Amino acid sequence: MTQFYKQSGFTLARSNLSTKILLTLFLFTTLAGCVVAALQYSSRSGGYDSESARQWIQGNEEDLEAKEFISEKTPRELLSFIHDHIFSLGILLFVILHLVELTPWTEGPKIALSILGYSCLFSMLFSPLAIQSGSTTATYTQIIGGSGLLLTLTLGSLACLDELWWASGRRKSRQQEEPSPPAPLFPEKRTEQKSGGRCPLGHDNPDSDK
C-alpha cells in the first residue's frame, strides 16, 4: 500500500491493468466475505434481533422447547472470539480504508468512514462481554456494530471498484478534469504545485516550468 503513495501522481484510476485486476480480485473477495459473514451471522444467531444476539451469548439451556440447543459462552470463549477477529478485521479495514484514500472523496467522508468502521468493529467485538454480564442494551450495539462494519467494508470496496473502472469514464464524458492525486506525506505540496511555487523541502517544483 505504501508504495502507491510514493508514486508521483498515482490514483486508482491511473493504475495499470495488472494492478487494477489485482485490486479488483481483492475487493470482490472482500464483498463476497461480507455476504458470507451476513449469512453466517443470521444462521448462527437465528437472525438480526436482540433476543437472538443474547441467546448466542447466554445460551438457551432454560428453554426446553428450543429447536436447537445453544450452550452459554464462557469468558475464555468470548476472549478467543475477540482475539480471532480483532487483528484480522482490523487489518482488513486498514487496507480497504487505505484504498479509499486513493479515491477523490473529500476528507470529511473519508474520516467519517474510518471512524464508522473502527467504532463498529470495537462495538461488535466487545459487546458480547457486556451481554454476558447482563446488559440488555449491549445486544443492540452488537447488531449495530456488526451491521456497520459490513456496511463500511461494502461502501469502501464499491467506491474503490468504481474509481478503478468507471469513474474516470464518467469524468471524461462530462469533460471534467481528473482529480489531483493524494499527498499524505506532504499535503501542502499539492497547493505549492498548483501555485507553481516550491515544495516544502525547498526544492524547485519540477512541474513549475511546464
C-alpha atoms as a PDB file:
ATOM      1  CA  MET A   1       0.000   0.000   0.000  1.00  0.00           C
ATOM      2  CA  THR A   2       2.751   2.431   0.917  1.00  0.00           C
ATOM      3  CA  GLN A   3       4.411   2.161  -2.494  1.00  0.00           C
ATOM      4  CA  PHE A   4       1.281   3.545  -4.143  1.00  0.00           C
ATOM      5  CA  TYR A   5       1.648   6.751  -2.155  1.00  0.00           C
ATOM      6  CA  LYS A   6       5.302   7.050  -3.149  1.00  0.00           C
ATOM      7  CA  GLN A   7       4.492   7.022  -6.854  1.00  0.00           C
ATOM      8  CA  SER A   8       4.020  10.565  -8.056  1.00  0.00           C
ATOM      9  CA  GLY A   9       0.560  11.150  -9.500  1.00  0.00           C
ATOM     10  CA  PHE A  10      -0.780   7.698  -8.609  1.00  0.00           C
ATOM     11  CA  THR A  11      -4.526   7.212  -8.279  1.00  0.00           C
ATOM     12  CA  LEU A  12      -6.704   4.146  -8.612  1.00  0.00           C
ATOM     13  CA  ALA A  13      -7.989   5.388 -11.957  1.00  0.00           C
ATOM     14  CA  ARG A  14      -4.413   5.804 -13.270  1.00  0.00           C
ATOM     15  CA  SER A  15      -3.158   2.385 -12.152  1.00  0.00           C
ATOM     16  CA  ASN A  16      -2.007  -0.100 -14.775  1.00  0.00           C
ATOM     17  CA  LEU A  17      -4.078  -3.096 -15.819  1.00  0.00           C
ATOM     18  CA  SER A  18      -2.310  -5.672 -13.646  1.00  0.00           C
ATOM     19  CA  THR A  19      -2.760  -3.501 -10.550  1.00  0.00           C
ATOM     20  CA  LYS A  20      -6.419  -2.936 -11.399  1.00  0.00           C
ATOM     21  CA  ILE A  21      -7.043  -6.654 -11.777  1.00  0.00           C
ATOM     22  CA  LEU A  22      -5.218  -7.472  -8.522  1.00  0.00           C
ATOM     23  CA  LEU A  23      -7.169  -4.858  -6.562  1.00  0.00           C
ATOM     24  CA  THR A  24     -10.435  -5.872  -8.207  1.00  0.00           C
ATOM     25  CA  LEU A  25      -9.983  -9.501  -7.185  1.00  0.00           C
ATOM     26  CA  PHE A  26      -9.199  -8.417  -3.625  1.00  0.00           C
ATOM     27  CA  LEU A  27     -12.232  -6.121  -3.463  1.00  0.00           C
ATOM     28  CA  PHE A  28     -14.581  -8.755  -4.870  1.00  0.00           C
ATOM     29  CA  THR A  29     -13.229 -11.216  -2.298  1.00  0.00           C
ATOM     30  CA  THR A  30     -13.980  -8.679   0.427  1.00  0.00           C
ATOM     31  CA  LEU A  31     -17.532  -8.186  -0.858  1.00  0.00           C
ATOM     32  CA  ALA A  32     -18.051 -11.944  -1.002  1.00  0.00           C
ATOM     33  CA  GLY A  33     -16.764 -12.173   2.569  1.00  0.00           C
ATOM     34  CA  CYS A  34     -19.319  -9.559   3.651  1.00  0.00           C
ATOM     35  CA  VAL A  35     -22.131 -11.605   2.131  1.00  0.00           C
ATOM     36  CA  VAL A  36     -20.900 -14.807   3.783  1.00  0.00           C
ATOM     37  CA  ALA A  37     -20.476 -13.016   7.125  1.00  0.00           C
ATOM     38  CA  ALA A  38     -24.048 -11.709   6.966  1.00  0.00           C
ATOM     39  CA  LEU A  39     -25.381 -15.177   6.162  1.00  0.00           C
ATOM     40  CA  GLN A  40     -23.258 -16.794   8.850  1.00  0.00           C
ATOM     41  CA  TYR A  41     -24.353 -14.317  11.493  1.00  0.00           C
ATOM     42  CA  SER A  42     -28.008 -14.786  10.617  1.00  0.00           C
ATOM     43  CA  SER A  43     -27.678 -18.562  10.644  1.00  0.00           C
ATOM     44  CA  ARG A  44     -25.536 -18.664  13.769  1.00  0.00           C
ATOM     45  CA  SER A  45     -27.628 -16.392  15.952  1.00  0.00           C
ATOM     46  CA  GLY A  46     -31.029 -17.011  14.375  1.00  0.00           C
ATOM     47  CA  GLY A  47     -31.483 -13.543  12.953  1.00  0.00           C
ATOM     48  CA  TYR A  48     -30.767  -9.850  13.392  1.00  0.00           C
ATOM     49  CA  ASP A  49     -32.679  -9.244  16.622  1.00  0.00           C
ATOM     50  CA  SER A  50     -31.681  -8.599  20.221  1.00  0.00           C
ATOM     51  CA  GLU A  51     -33.037 -11.878  21.592  1.00  0.00           C
ATOM     52  CA  SER A  52     -31.039 -13.913  19.097  1.00  0.00           C
ATOM     53  CA  ALA A  53     -27.892 -11.937  19.945  1.00  0.00           C
ATOM     54  CA  ARG A  54     -28.469 -12.503  23.669  1.00  0.00           C
ATOM     55  CA  GLN A  55     -29.170 -16.182  23.130  1.00  0.00           C
ATOM     56  CA  TRP A  56     -25.940 -16.677  21.202  1.00  0.00           C
ATOM     57  CA  ILE A  57     -24.008 -15.385  24.231  1.00  0.00           C
ATOM     58  CA  GLN A  58     -26.080 -16.615  27.186  1.00  0.00           C
ATOM     59  CA  GLY A  59     -27.405 -19.801  25.589  1.00  0.00           C
ATOM     60  CA  ASN A  60     -30.927 -21.231  25.704  1.00  0.00           C
ATOM     61  CA  GLU A  61     -30.488 -24.037  28.208  1.00  0.00           C
ATOM     62  CA  GLU A  62     -33.573 -22.878  30.118  1.00  0.00           C
ATOM     63  CA  ASP A  63     -35.774 -23.145  27.016  1.00  0.00           C
ATOM     64  CA  LEU A  64     -36.960 -26.747  26.896  1.00  0.00           C
ATOM     65  CA  GLU A  65     -38.895 -26.153  23.678  1.00  0.00           C
ATOM     66  CA  ALA A  66     -35.934 -24.773  21.726  1.00  0.00           C
ATOM     67  CA  LYS A  67     -35.322 -26.430  18.355  1.00  0.00           C
ATOM     68  CA  GLU A  68     -31.551 -26.112  18.754  1.00  0.00           C
ATOM     69  CA  PHE A  69     -29.554 -26.288  21.968  1.00  0.00           C
ATOM     70  CA  ILE A  70     -27.112 -23.378  22.449  1.00  0.00           C
ATOM     71  CA  SER A  71     -24.710 -23.501  25.366  1.00  0.00           C
ATOM     72  CA  GLU A  72     -23.646 -20.369  27.221  1.00  0.00           C
ATOM     73  CA  LYS A  73     -20.340 -18.891  26.081  1.00  0.00           C
ATOM     74  CA  THR A  74     -17.586 -18.918  28.669  1.00  0.00           C
ATOM     75  CA  PRO A  75     -15.339 -15.875  29.231  1.00  0.00           C
ATOM     76  CA  ARG A  76     -12.489 -17.797  27.600  1.00  0.00           C
ATOM     77  CA  GLU A  77     -14.594 -18.455  24.505  1.00  0.00           C
ATOM     78  CA  LEU A  78     -15.521 -14.783  24.218  1.00  0.00           C
ATOM     79  CA  LEU A  79     -11.896 -13.703  24.593  1.00  0.00           C
ATOM     80  CA  SER A  80     -10.968 -16.216  21.907  1.00  0.00           C
ATOM     81  CA  PHE A  81     -13.684 -14.719  19.665  1.00  0.00           C
ATOM     82  CA  ILE A  82     -12.240 -11.231  20.191  1.00  0.00           C
ATOM     83  CA  HIS A  83      -8.666 -12.409  19.652  1.00  0.00           C
ATOM     84  CA  ASP A  84      -9.514 -14.232  16.426  1.00  0.00           C
ATOM     85  CA  HIS A  85     -11.228 -11.214  14.876  1.00  0.00           C
ATOM     86  CA  ILE A  86      -9.624  -8.033  16.197  1.00  0.00           C
ATOM     87  CA  PHE A  87      -6.393  -8.404  14.238  1.00  0.00           C
ATOM     88  CA  SER A  88      -7.783  -9.845  11.007  1.00  0.00           C
ATOM     89  CA  LEU A  89     -10.730  -7.456  10.740  1.00  0.00           C
ATOM     90  CA  GLY A  90      -8.590  -4.523  11.886  1.00  0.00           C
ATOM     91  CA  ILE A  91      -6.068  -5.168   9.110  1.00  0.00           C
ATOM     92  CA  LEU A  92      -8.824  -5.711   6.530  1.00  0.00           C
ATOM     93  CA  LEU A  93     -10.376  -2.376   7.476  1.00  0.00           C
ATOM     94  CA  PHE A  94      -6.982  -0.701   7.283  1.00  0.00           C
ATOM     95  CA  VAL A  95      -6.363  -1.985   3.752  1.00  0.00           C
ATOM     96  CA  ILE A  96      -9.829  -1.076   2.452  1.00  0.00           C
ATOM     97  CA  LEU A  97      -9.735   2.389   4.005  1.00  0.00           C
ATOM     98  CA  HIS A  98      -6.193   2.873   2.658  1.00  0.00           C
ATOM     99  CA  LEU A  99      -7.546   2.223  -0.825  1.00  0.00           C
ATOM    100  CA  VAL A 100     -10.407   4.642  -0.215  1.00  0.00           C
ATOM    101  CA  GLU A 101      -7.725   7.264   0.499  1.00  0.00           C
ATOM    102  CA  LEU A 102      -6.709   6.903  -3.170  1.00  0.00           C
ATOM    103  CA  THR A 103     -10.179   7.926  -4.366  1.00  0.00           C
ATOM    104  CA  PRO A 104     -11.213  11.573  -4.937  1.00  0.00           C
ATOM    105  CA  TRP A 105     -13.533  11.519  -1.929  1.00  0.00           C
ATOM    106  CA  THR A 106     -13.147  14.598   0.241  1.00  0.00           C
ATOM    107  CA  GLU A 107     -11.550  14.407   3.683  1.00  0.00           C
ATOM    108  CA  GLY A 108     -14.866  14.512   5.540  1.00  0.00           C
ATOM    109  CA  PRO A 109     -16.387  11.308   4.129  1.00  0.00           C
ATOM    110  CA  LYS A 110     -13.036   9.505   4.404  1.00  0.00           C
ATOM    111  CA  ILE A 111     -12.689  10.388   8.085  1.00  0.00           C
ATOM    112  CA  ALA A 112     -16.324   9.511   8.746  1.00  0.00           C
ATOM    113  CA  LEU A 113     -15.939   6.108   7.088  1.00  0.00           C
ATOM    114  CA  SER A 114     -12.795   5.367   9.106  1.00  0.00           C
ATOM    115  CA  ILE A 115     -14.454   6.312  12.396  1.00  0.00           C
ATOM    116  CA  LEU A 116     -17.564   4.330  11.490  1.00  0.00           C
ATOM    117  CA  GLY A 117     -15.586   1.221  10.581  1.00  0.00           C
ATOM    118  CA  TYR A 118     -13.372   1.029  13.651  1.00  0.00           C
ATOM    119  CA  SER A 119     -16.043   2.109  16.134  1.00  0.00           C
ATOM    120  CA  CYS A 120     -18.351  -0.589  14.758  1.00  0.00           C
ATOM    121  CA  LEU A 121     -15.535  -3.143  14.942  1.00  0.00           C
ATOM    122  CA  PHE A 122     -14.955  -2.459  18.640  1.00  0.00           C
ATOM    123  CA  SER A 123     -18.694  -2.373  19.295  1.00  0.00           C
ATOM    124  CA  MET A 124     -19.215  -5.756  17.655  1.00  0.00           C
ATOM    125  CA  LEU A 125     -16.263  -7.425  19.378  1.00  0.00           C
ATOM    126  CA  PHE A 126     -16.691  -6.149  22.929  1.00  0.00           C
ATOM    127  CA  SER A 127     -20.481  -6.069  23.199  1.00  0.00           C
ATOM    128  CA  PRO A 128     -20.613  -9.838  23.934  1.00  0.00           C
ATOM    129  CA  LEU A 129     -18.726  -9.241  27.182  1.00  0.00           C
ATOM    130  CA  ALA A 130     -21.369  -6.738  28.260  1.00  0.00           C
ATOM    131  CA  ILE A 131     -24.150  -9.107  27.193  1.00  0.00           C
ATOM    132  CA  GLN A 132     -22.635 -11.870  29.280  1.00  0.00           C
ATOM    133  CA  SER A 133     -22.616  -9.580  32.307  1.00  0.00           C
ATOM    134  CA  GLY A 134     -26.361  -8.981  31.901  1.00  0.00           C
ATOM    135  CA  SER A 135     -26.559  -5.787  29.844  1.00  0.00           C
ATOM    136  CA  THR A 136     -29.731  -5.615  27.732  1.00  0.00           C
ATOM    137  CA  THR A 137     -28.688  -2.648  25.561  1.00  0.00           C
ATOM    138  CA  ALA A 138     -25.442  -4.349  24.511  1.00  0.00           C
ATOM    139  CA  THR A 139     -27.407  -6.723  22.283  1.00  0.00           C
ATOM    140  CA  TYR A 140     -28.378  -3.768  20.110  1.00  0.00           C
ATOM    141  CA  THR A 141     -24.835  -2.384  19.994  1.00  0.00           C
ATOM    142  CA  GLN A 142     -23.594  -5.782  18.850  1.00  0.00           C
ATOM    143  CA  ILE A 143     -26.104  -5.873  15.991  1.00  0.00           C
ATOM    144  CA  ILE A 144     -25.435  -2.254  15.040  1.00  0.00           C
ATOM    145  CA  GLY A 145     -21.683  -2.809  15.264  1.00  0.00           C
ATOM    146  CA  GLY A 146     -21.706  -5.874  13.037  1.00  0.00           C
ATOM    147  CA  SER A 147     -24.025  -4.263  10.503  1.00  0.00           C
ATOM    148  CA  GLY A 148     -21.984  -1.047  10.468  1.00  0.00           C
ATOM    149  CA  LEU A 149     -18.759  -2.958   9.935  1.00  0.00           C
ATOM    150  CA  LEU A 150     -20.193  -4.804   6.940  1.00  0.00           C
ATOM    151  CA  LEU A 151     -21.566  -1.512   5.607  1.00  0.00           C
ATOM    152  CA  THR A 152     -18.146   0.144   5.889  1.00  0.00           C
ATOM    153  CA  LEU A 153     -16.374  -2.674   4.069  1.00  0.00           C
ATOM    154  CA  THR A 154     -19.056  -2.757   1.374  1.00  0.00           C
ATOM    155  CA  LEU A 155     -19.092   1.006   0.762  1.00  0.00           C
ATOM    156  CA  GLY A 156     -15.303   1.190   0.727  1.00  0.00           C
ATOM    157  CA  SER A 157     -14.981  -1.719  -1.699  1.00  0.00           C
ATOM    158  CA  LEU A 158     -17.646  -0.359  -4.060  1.00  0.00           C
ATOM    159  CA  ALA A 159     -16.091   3.120  -4.002  1.00  0.00           C
ATOM    160  CA  CYS A 160     -12.709   1.678  -4.957  1.00  0.00           C
ATOM    161  CA  LEU A 161     -14.153  -0.521  -7.696  1.00  0.00           C
ATOM    162  CA  ASP A 162     -15.989   2.466  -9.128  1.00  0.00           C
ATOM    163  CA  GLU A 163     -12.809   4.552  -9.152  1.00  0.00           C
ATOM    164  CA  LEU A 164     -10.816   1.709 -10.732  1.00  0.00           C
ATOM    165  CA  TRP A 165     -13.123   1.090 -13.685  1.00  0.00           C
ATOM    166  CA  TRP A 166     -15.960   3.588 -14.181  1.00  0.00           C
ATOM    167  CA  ALA A 167     -15.403   6.969 -12.511  1.00  0.00           C
ATOM    168  CA  SER A 168     -12.732   8.129 -14.971  1.00  0.00           C
ATOM    169  CA  GLY A 169     -15.040   7.389 -17.913  1.00  0.00           C
ATOM    170  CA  ARG A 170     -17.833   9.409 -16.310  1.00  0.00           C
ATOM    171  CA  ARG A 171     -15.486  12.352 -15.792  1.00  0.00           C
ATOM    172  CA  LYS A 172     -14.371  12.224 -19.428  1.00  0.00           C
ATOM    173  CA  SER A 173     -17.958  12.154 -20.687  1.00  0.00           C
ATOM    174  CA  ARG A 174     -18.712  15.191 -18.532  1.00  0.00           C
ATOM    175  CA  GLN A 175     -15.461  16.867 -19.648  1.00  0.00           C
ATOM    176  CA  GLN A 176     -14.219  17.041 -16.083  1.00  0.00           C
ATOM    177  CA  GLU A 177     -10.541  17.054 -15.158  1.00  0.00           C
ATOM    178  CA  GLU A 178      -9.016  14.133 -13.319  1.00  0.00           C
ATOM    179  CA  PRO A 179      -8.750  14.858  -9.564  1.00  0.00           C
ATOM    180  CA  SER A 180      -5.353  15.563  -8.062  1.00  0.00           C
ATOM    181  CA  PRO A 181      -3.580  12.552  -6.540  1.00  0.00           C
ATOM    182  CA  PRO A 182      -3.419  12.333  -2.738  1.00  0.00           C
ATOM    183  CA  ALA A 183      -0.304  13.632  -0.984  1.00  0.00           C
ATOM    184  CA  PRO A 184      -0.488  12.136   2.532  1.00  0.00           C
ATOM    185  CA  LEU A 185       3.159  12.764   3.456  1.00  0.00           C
ATOM    186  CA  PHE A 186       3.240  16.427   2.460  1.00  0.00           C
ATOM    187  CA  PRO A 187      -0.357  17.564   1.858  1.00  0.00           C
ATOM    188  CA  GLU A 188       0.764  21.189   1.495  1.00  0.00           C
ATOM    189  CA  LYS A 189       2.832  20.160  -1.550  1.00  0.00           C
ATOM    190  CA  ARG A 190      -0.322  19.976  -3.653  1.00  0.00           C
ATOM    191  CA  THR A 191      -1.018  23.653  -3.008  1.00  0.00           C
ATOM    192  CA  GLU A 192       2.566  24.570  -3.844  1.00  0.00           C
ATOM    193  CA  GLN A 193       2.391  22.635  -7.103  1.00  0.00           C
ATOM    194  CA  LYS A 194      -0.836  24.340  -8.144  1.00  0.00           C
ATOM    195  CA  SER A 195       0.707  27.773  -7.486  1.00  0.00           C
ATOM    196  CA  GLY A 196       3.952  26.863  -9.296  1.00  0.00           C
ATOM    197  CA  GLY A 197       5.963  27.535  -6.145  1.00  0.00           C
ATOM    198  CA  ARG A 198       8.499  25.494  -4.234  1.00  0.00           C
ATOM    199  CA  CYS A 199       7.862  22.221  -2.438  1.00  0.00           C
ATOM    200  CA  PRO A 200       8.048  22.016   1.382  1.00  0.00           C
ATOM    201  CA  LEU A 201      11.617  20.637   1.321  1.00  0.00           C
ATOM    202  CA  GLY A 202      12.876  23.697  -0.506  1.00  0.00           C
ATOM    203  CA  HIS A 203      13.445  22.009  -3.903  1.00  0.00           C
ATOM    204  CA  ASP A 204      12.169  23.508  -7.089  1.00  0.00           C
ATOM    205  CA  ASN A 205       8.837  22.201  -8.226  1.00  0.00           C
ATOM    206  CA  PRO A 206       9.540  20.006 -11.272  1.00  0.00           C
ATOM    207  CA  ASP A 207       6.181  20.928 -12.739  1.00  0.00           C
ATOM    208  CA  SER A 208       6.586  24.685 -12.367  1.00  0.00           C
ATOM    209  CA  ASP A 209       8.404  25.033 -15.709  1.00  0.00           C
ATOM    210  CA  LYS A 210       5.802  23.079 -17.661  1.00  0.00           C
END
